[in-house]
C-alpha cells in the first residue's frame, strides 16, 4: 500500500491541485481557467485573478509541498499563458485559429463566432492590472521566460542581418538561462550553419587575395579553412588540390580533390584531376573508376580526350 505524502495542504486544496494539474495539457484555455468557451476578456481576467489567489506558488512560501510544488508551478505557468492569450486580441484570434475545436465550442456557447473586442476598463481596473503585471513580472518563471525571449529576439535580428557572431552570443545567453529551450536550440543550429557559410566564403576570398600577392602558403591555409567550414565549397577544395599538387603534397592534394568531387560529382574536370592524383599515389584501380565515370558523364570533354590514352594505354 502506497504511503500518503505528507504536505502542508488541506485535502480539498490537494484535490483541486490534482484536478487542475490533470488539465494542464488541455488545449482549451477557457476550460482550464474555468470559464465558458468564448468568454469575454473581463470574465477571463476575473477568473485568472480568482485562480491566482488560490494557486500562485508564492502563496505557499515556506510550506512543505512535496510533489505539489511542481504541480503548482505547472498550473500557474499555464494560467498565466491562458490569461495572456485570451485577453490579447491578436493572440486570442491566433489561438482560436489554431484550435478549431475550441472555436466551435465557443461558437456553440455564444451562438456566434467569437469575434473578440476588448472591453474598456475603469481607472481602478487599470491600476489593479498595472499592479498585477508588476507583481507577476517579479515571478521567477516569468522573469526567466521574458529574458530568454529578449535574447532570442535579439539573436533573430542579428541573424537576419547575417551578423552571426552577435546572434550566437545572444543565443548562448538564452541557453544559459534555459538549456532545453527548443527554439533557442533550433536557431543555434541554423545560425552556426550560416556562420560557417559566411566564414567559408570569406576564407575563399582571402585565399584568392593571397594568390594575387603570390603567397601560395597563405592561400592554401585559407582554402583549408574554407573547406572545413563548408565541405560543399567545391571551388575551394579544387583550388586547394591544385596548389597542393604543385607543391608536391600529392596525398593531401588527392584528399582535397576527393572533397571537390563529393561536392560536385558531375564536374568532369574535378573527376579527371582526382583520377590523375590517385594514379600518382599508386591507386590505379580507384583512379580508373573515376576516369570511367568522367567518360560516362561527358565522353567528349577535352580533359577526357586529352588524358584518356595516357592514363589507360591498355
Protein backbone atom coordinates (compact mmCIF):
# COMPACT_ATOMS: atom_id res chain seq x y z
CA UNK A 1 0.00 0.00 0.00
CA UNK A 2 1.41 3.40 -1.02
CA UNK A 3 2.26 5.78 1.82
CA UNK A 4 0.35 9.05 1.58
CA UNK A 5 2.62 12.05 1.01
CA UNK A 6 2.79 14.41 4.00
CA UNK A 7 2.41 18.01 2.85
CA UNK A 8 1.15 21.30 4.33
CA UNK A 9 -2.08 21.35 2.32
CA UNK A 10 -5.71 20.69 3.14
CA UNK A 11 -7.27 17.67 1.45
CA UNK A 12 -9.65 19.84 -0.54
CA UNK A 13 -6.86 22.00 -1.88
CA UNK A 14 -4.82 18.91 -2.81
CA UNK A 15 -7.80 17.60 -4.78
CA UNK A 16 -8.13 20.95 -6.59
CA UNK A 17 -4.43 21.00 -7.47
CA UNK A 18 -4.50 17.42 -8.72
CA UNK A 19 -7.59 18.11 -10.83
CA UNK A 20 -6.05 21.22 -12.42
CA UNK A 21 -2.70 19.52 -12.98
CA UNK A 22 -4.52 16.84 -14.96
CA UNK A 23 -5.88 19.58 -17.25
CA UNK A 24 -2.57 21.39 -17.87
CA UNK A 25 -2.13 19.68 -21.24
CA UNK A 26 -5.66 20.58 -22.40
CA UNK A 27 -5.87 22.78 -25.50
CA UNK A 28 -8.97 24.55 -24.19
CA UNK A 29 -7.60 27.50 -22.23
CA UNK A 30 -11.14 28.70 -21.40
CA UNK A 31 -11.89 25.38 -19.77
CA UNK A 32 -8.60 25.40 -17.89
CA UNK A 33 -9.47 28.78 -16.32
CA UNK A 34 -12.97 27.55 -15.54
CA UNK A 35 -14.89 29.95 -17.83
CA UNK A 36 -17.22 29.13 -20.74
CA UNK A 37 -15.58 28.79 -24.14
CA UNK A 38 -15.70 32.18 -25.82
CA UNK A 39 -15.94 34.06 -22.51
CA UNK A 40 -15.13 37.79 -22.84
CA UNK A 41 -11.85 39.28 -21.70
CA UNK A 42 -13.07 40.66 -18.38
CA UNK A 43 -14.52 37.29 -17.38
CA UNK A 44 -11.18 35.68 -18.24
CA UNK A 45 -9.31 38.28 -16.16
CA UNK A 46 -11.65 37.78 -13.21
CA UNK A 47 -11.17 34.02 -13.36
CA UNK A 48 -7.41 34.44 -13.51
CA UNK A 49 -7.43 36.81 -10.51
CA UNK A 50 -9.51 34.36 -8.50
CA UNK A 51 -7.35 31.38 -9.50
CA UNK A 52 -4.16 33.29 -8.69
CA UNK A 53 -5.37 33.84 -5.15
CA UNK A 54 -5.56 30.07 -4.75
CA UNK A 55 -2.73 28.71 -6.84
CA UNK A 56 0.03 31.34 -7.01
CA UNK A 57 3.17 29.49 -5.80
CA UNK A 58 4.16 32.45 -3.60
CA UNK A 59 1.02 31.87 -1.52
CA UNK A 60 2.63 28.68 -0.20
CA UNK A 61 6.05 30.13 0.57
CA UNK A 62 7.83 28.24 3.36
CA UNK A 63 5.39 25.33 3.33
CA UNK A 64 6.24 21.69 2.75
CA UNK A 65 4.60 20.98 -0.60
CA UNK A 66 6.47 17.88 -1.75
CA UNK A 67 5.40 16.89 -5.26
CA UNK A 68 2.68 19.55 -5.19
CA UNK A 69 5.24 22.32 -5.64
CA UNK A 70 5.98 21.20 -9.21
CA UNK A 71 2.25 20.85 -9.84
CA UNK A 72 1.59 24.40 -8.65
CA UNK A 73 4.38 25.73 -10.88
CA UNK A 74 2.89 23.96 -13.90
CA UNK A 75 -0.62 25.17 -13.09
CA UNK A 76 0.37 28.80 -12.56
CA UNK A 77 2.51 28.83 -15.71
CA UNK A 78 -0.48 27.57 -17.72
CA UNK A 79 -2.80 30.09 -16.07
CA UNK A 80 -0.53 32.98 -17.00
CA UNK A 81 -0.37 31.70 -20.58
CA UNK A 82 -4.16 31.32 -20.72
CA UNK A 83 -4.80 34.81 -19.35
CA UNK A 84 -2.28 36.48 -21.67
CA UNK A 85 -3.61 34.62 -24.70
CA UNK A 86 -7.31 35.11 -24.12
CA UNK A 87 -7.15 38.81 -23.15
CA UNK A 88 -4.97 39.93 -26.05
CA UNK A 89 -6.93 40.38 -29.33
CA UNK A 90 -4.21 39.15 -31.69
CA UNK A 91 -3.08 36.25 -29.51
CA UNK A 92 -6.67 35.19 -28.88
CA UNK A 93 -7.53 35.16 -32.58
CA UNK A 94 -4.38 33.23 -33.43
CA UNK A 95 -5.15 30.73 -30.67
CA UNK A 96 -8.70 30.17 -31.91
CA UNK A 97 -7.49 29.83 -35.50
CA UNK A 98 -5.03 27.15 -34.39
CA UNK A 99 -7.67 25.32 -32.33
CA UNK A 100 -10.83 24.92 -34.43
CA UNK A 101 -12.49 22.63 -31.88
CA UNK A 102 -12.21 25.34 -29.24
CA UNK A 103 -13.56 27.90 -31.74
CA UNK A 104 -16.50 25.58 -32.47
CA UNK A 105 -17.19 25.17 -28.75
CA UNK A 106 -17.07 28.95 -28.31
CA UNK A 107 -19.46 29.44 -31.21
CA UNK A 108 -21.82 26.88 -29.74
CA UNK A 109 -21.64 28.53 -26.33
CA UNK A 110 -22.21 32.08 -27.51
CA UNK A 111 -24.30 31.38 -30.61
CA UNK A 112 -21.89 33.39 -32.78
CA UNK A 113 -18.31 33.25 -33.87
CA UNK A 114 -16.20 34.59 -31.01
CA UNK A 115 -15.05 37.83 -32.57
CA UNK A 116 -13.05 39.48 -29.82
CA UNK A 117 -13.49 43.06 -28.74
CA UNK A 118 -11.61 44.22 -25.69
CA UNK A 119 -13.78 45.81 -23.08
CA UNK A 120 -12.92 49.28 -21.77
CA UNK A 121 -11.50 49.29 -18.25
CA UNK A 122 -12.08 51.74 -15.43
CA UNK A 123 -9.21 53.65 -13.83
CA UNK A 124 -9.41 51.33 -10.83
CA UNK A 125 -9.17 48.26 -13.06
CA UNK A 126 -6.23 49.77 -14.95
CA UNK A 127 -4.43 50.42 -11.65
CA UNK A 128 -5.12 46.88 -10.45
CA UNK A 129 -3.90 45.44 -13.75
CA UNK A 130 -0.73 47.50 -13.58
CA UNK A 131 -0.05 46.32 -10.04
CA UNK A 132 -0.65 42.69 -11.07
CA UNK A 133 1.68 42.98 -14.06
CA UNK A 134 4.43 44.35 -11.85
CA UNK A 135 3.89 41.59 -9.30
CA UNK A 136 3.81 38.85 -11.94
CA UNK A 137 6.89 40.25 -13.63
CA UNK A 138 8.80 39.53 -10.43
CA UNK A 139 7.81 35.86 -10.51
CA UNK A 140 10.90 33.70 -11.26
CA UNK A 141 9.27 31.79 -14.11
CA UNK A 142 8.03 34.90 -15.90
CA UNK A 143 11.33 36.74 -15.39
CA UNK A 144 13.22 33.77 -16.83
CA UNK A 145 10.86 33.43 -19.81
CA UNK A 146 10.95 37.14 -20.57
CA UNK A 147 14.75 37.23 -20.52
CA UNK A 148 15.02 34.22 -22.84
CA UNK A 149 12.60 35.86 -25.28
CA UNK A 150 14.62 39.08 -25.20
CA UNK A 151 17.84 37.24 -26.09
CA UNK A 152 16.02 35.18 -28.72
CA UNK A 153 14.55 38.28 -30.34
CA UNK A 154 17.96 39.98 -30.49
CA UNK A 155 19.50 36.82 -31.95
CA UNK A 156 16.87 36.73 -34.71
CA UNK A 157 17.53 40.38 -35.57
CA UNK A 158 21.28 39.77 -35.92
CA UNK A 159 20.77 36.51 -37.84
CA UNK A 160 18.53 38.31 -40.35
CA UNK A 161 21.43 40.73 -40.99
CA UNK A 162 23.93 37.83 -41.19
CA UNK A 163 25.61 39.13 -38.04
CA UNK A 164 26.13 35.60 -36.83
CA UNK A 165 28.72 36.15 -34.11
CA UNK A 166 26.37 38.56 -32.31
CA UNK A 167 23.48 36.14 -32.80
CA UNK A 168 25.50 33.30 -31.27
CA UNK A 169 26.33 35.46 -28.25
CA UNK A 170 22.64 36.16 -27.55
CA UNK A 171 21.69 32.52 -28.10
CA UNK A 172 24.39 31.38 -25.68
CA UNK A 173 22.99 33.80 -23.09
CA UNK A 174 19.50 32.39 -23.66
CA UNK A 175 20.78 28.80 -23.43
CA UNK A 176 22.42 29.54 -20.06
CA UNK A 177 19.01 30.52 -18.71
CA UNK A 178 17.06 27.69 -20.36
CA UNK A 179 19.31 24.96 -21.84
CA UNK A 180 16.31 22.94 -23.08
CA UNK A 181 14.52 25.76 -24.91
CA UNK A 182 13.61 24.17 -28.27
CA UNK A 183 13.52 27.39 -30.31
CA UNK A 184 16.89 28.52 -28.97
CA UNK A 185 18.47 25.16 -29.85
CA UNK A 186 16.95 25.13 -33.35
CA UNK A 187 18.02 28.69 -34.11
CA UNK A 188 21.54 27.99 -32.83
CA UNK A 189 21.87 25.19 -35.40
CA UNK A 190 20.74 27.48 -38.23
CA UNK A 191 22.93 30.37 -37.09
CA UNK A 192 26.01 28.16 -36.91
CA UNK A 193 25.30 26.86 -40.41
CA UNK A 194 25.00 30.43 -41.65
CA UNK A 195 28.18 31.44 -39.85
CA UNK A 196 30.05 28.52 -41.41
CA UNK A 197 28.91 29.52 -44.90
CA UNK A 198 29.99 33.12 -44.37
CA UNK A 199 33.34 32.02 -42.95
CA UNK A 200 33.87 29.67 -45.90
CA UNK A 201 33.15 32.36 -48.48
CA UNK A 202 35.32 34.88 -46.63
CA UNK A 203 38.24 32.44 -46.39
CA UNK A 204 37.96 31.63 -50.08
CA UNK A 205 38.10 35.34 -50.91
CA UNK A 206 41.18 35.73 -48.67
CA UNK A 207 42.81 32.81 -50.49
CA UNK A 208 42.30 34.49 -53.86
CA UNK A 209 43.79 37.71 -52.47
CA UNK A 210 46.81 35.76 -51.21
CA UNK A 211 47.28 34.15 -54.62
CA UNK A 212 47.22 37.57 -56.27
CA UNK A 213 50.07 38.54 -53.95
CA UNK A 214 51.93 35.34 -54.79
CA UNK A 215 51.59 33.88 -51.29
CA UNK A 216 50.59 30.28 -52.05
CA UNK A 217 51.22 29.07 -48.49
CA UNK A 218 48.73 31.53 -47.00
CA UNK A 219 46.30 30.75 -49.82
CA UNK A 220 46.40 27.02 -49.01
CA UNK A 221 45.72 27.73 -45.32
CA UNK A 222 42.74 29.91 -46.20
CA UNK A 223 41.39 27.30 -48.64
CA UNK A 224 41.59 24.59 -45.98
CA UNK A 225 39.60 26.80 -43.60
CA UNK A 226 37.03 27.41 -46.34
CA UNK A 227 36.54 23.69 -46.98
CA UNK A 228 36.42 22.79 -43.28
CA UNK A 229 33.75 25.44 -42.69
CA UNK A 230 31.71 24.31 -45.70
CA UNK A 231 32.50 20.90 -47.23
CA UNK A 232 30.30 21.84 -50.21
CA UNK A 233 32.66 24.66 -51.23
CA UNK A 234 33.96 22.69 -54.23
CA UNK A 235 35.79 25.68 -55.71
CA UNK A 236 37.93 25.98 -52.58
CA UNK A 237 38.57 22.22 -52.48
CA UNK A 238 39.54 22.12 -56.16
CA UNK A 239 41.90 25.08 -55.91
CA UNK A 240 43.50 23.66 -52.75
CA UNK A 241 44.09 20.40 -54.59
CA UNK A 242 45.81 22.19 -57.48
CA UNK A 243 48.12 24.16 -55.19
CA UNK A 244 48.99 21.14 -53.07
CA UNK A 245 49.81 19.11 -56.19
CA UNK A 246 52.03 21.94 -57.37
CA UNK A 247 53.93 21.78 -54.06
CA UNK A 248 54.33 18.00 -54.36
CA UNK A 249 51.96 17.21 -51.47
CA UNK A 250 50.20 14.54 -53.51
CA UNK A 251 48.34 12.73 -50.74
CA UNK A 252 46.77 15.94 -49.41
CA UNK A 253 46.10 17.06 -52.97
CA UNK A 254 44.17 13.82 -53.64
CA UNK A 255 42.22 14.29 -50.40
CA UNK A 256 41.01 17.76 -51.45
CA UNK A 257 40.34 16.55 -54.99
CA UNK A 258 38.09 13.89 -53.44
CA UNK A 259 36.25 16.59 -51.47
CA UNK A 260 35.72 18.59 -54.67
CA UNK A 261 34.25 15.52 -56.41
CA UNK A 262 31.99 14.75 -53.47
CA UNK A 263 30.67 18.33 -53.51
CA UNK A 264 30.31 18.48 -57.32
CA UNK A 265 30.05 14.88 -58.57
CA UNK A 266 29.06 15.85 -62.13
CA UNK A 267 32.13 18.02 -62.73
CA UNK A 268 34.34 16.15 -65.22
CA UNK A 269 37.38 18.37 -64.62
CA UNK A 270 37.31 17.53 -60.90
CA UNK A 271 36.96 13.82 -61.68
CA UNK A 272 39.92 13.88 -64.03
CA UNK A 273 42.08 15.74 -61.54
CA UNK A 274 41.24 13.18 -58.85
CA UNK A 275 41.97 10.30 -61.24
CA UNK A 276 45.41 11.72 -62.07
CA UNK A 277 46.27 12.24 -58.40
CA UNK A 278 45.15 8.73 -57.48
CA UNK A 279 47.45 7.33 -60.18
CA UNK A 280 50.33 9.37 -58.77
CA UNK A 281 49.54 7.98 -55.33
CA UNK A 282 49.63 4.41 -56.66
CA UNK A 283 45.86 3.82 -56.51
CA UNK A 284 45.18 2.97 -60.15
CA UNK A 285 42.09 0.83 -59.50
CA UNK A 286 40.31 3.72 -57.78
CA UNK A 287 41.59 6.13 -60.40
CA UNK A 288 40.11 4.01 -63.19
CA UNK A 289 36.65 4.20 -61.59
CA UNK A 290 36.74 7.99 -61.60
CA UNK A 291 38.05 8.14 -65.16
CA UNK A 292 35.27 5.82 -66.31
CA UNK A 293 32.69 7.94 -64.52
CA UNK A 294 34.08 11.10 -66.15
CA UNK A 295 33.91 9.36 -69.54
CA UNK A 296 30.33 8.37 -68.86
CA UNK A 297 29.32 11.91 -67.85
CA UNK A 298 30.93 13.58 -70.89
CA UNK A 299 32.94 11.36 -73.28
CA UNK A 300 33.75 14.37 -75.49
CA UNK A 301 35.15 16.52 -72.69
CA UNK A 302 38.63 17.82 -73.64
CA UNK A 303 40.13 16.55 -70.36
CA UNK A 304 38.79 13.05 -71.02
CA UNK A 305 40.20 13.00 -74.54
CA UNK A 306 43.47 14.60 -73.50
CA UNK A 307 44.34 12.24 -70.67
CA UNK A 308 42.44 9.08 -71.55
CA UNK A 309 45.05 7.31 -73.67
CA UNK A 310 47.90 8.47 -71.43
CA UNK A 311 46.24 7.08 -68.32
CA UNK A 312 44.78 3.98 -69.83
CA UNK A 313 47.08 2.73 -72.62
CA UNK A 314 45.50 -0.68 -72.30
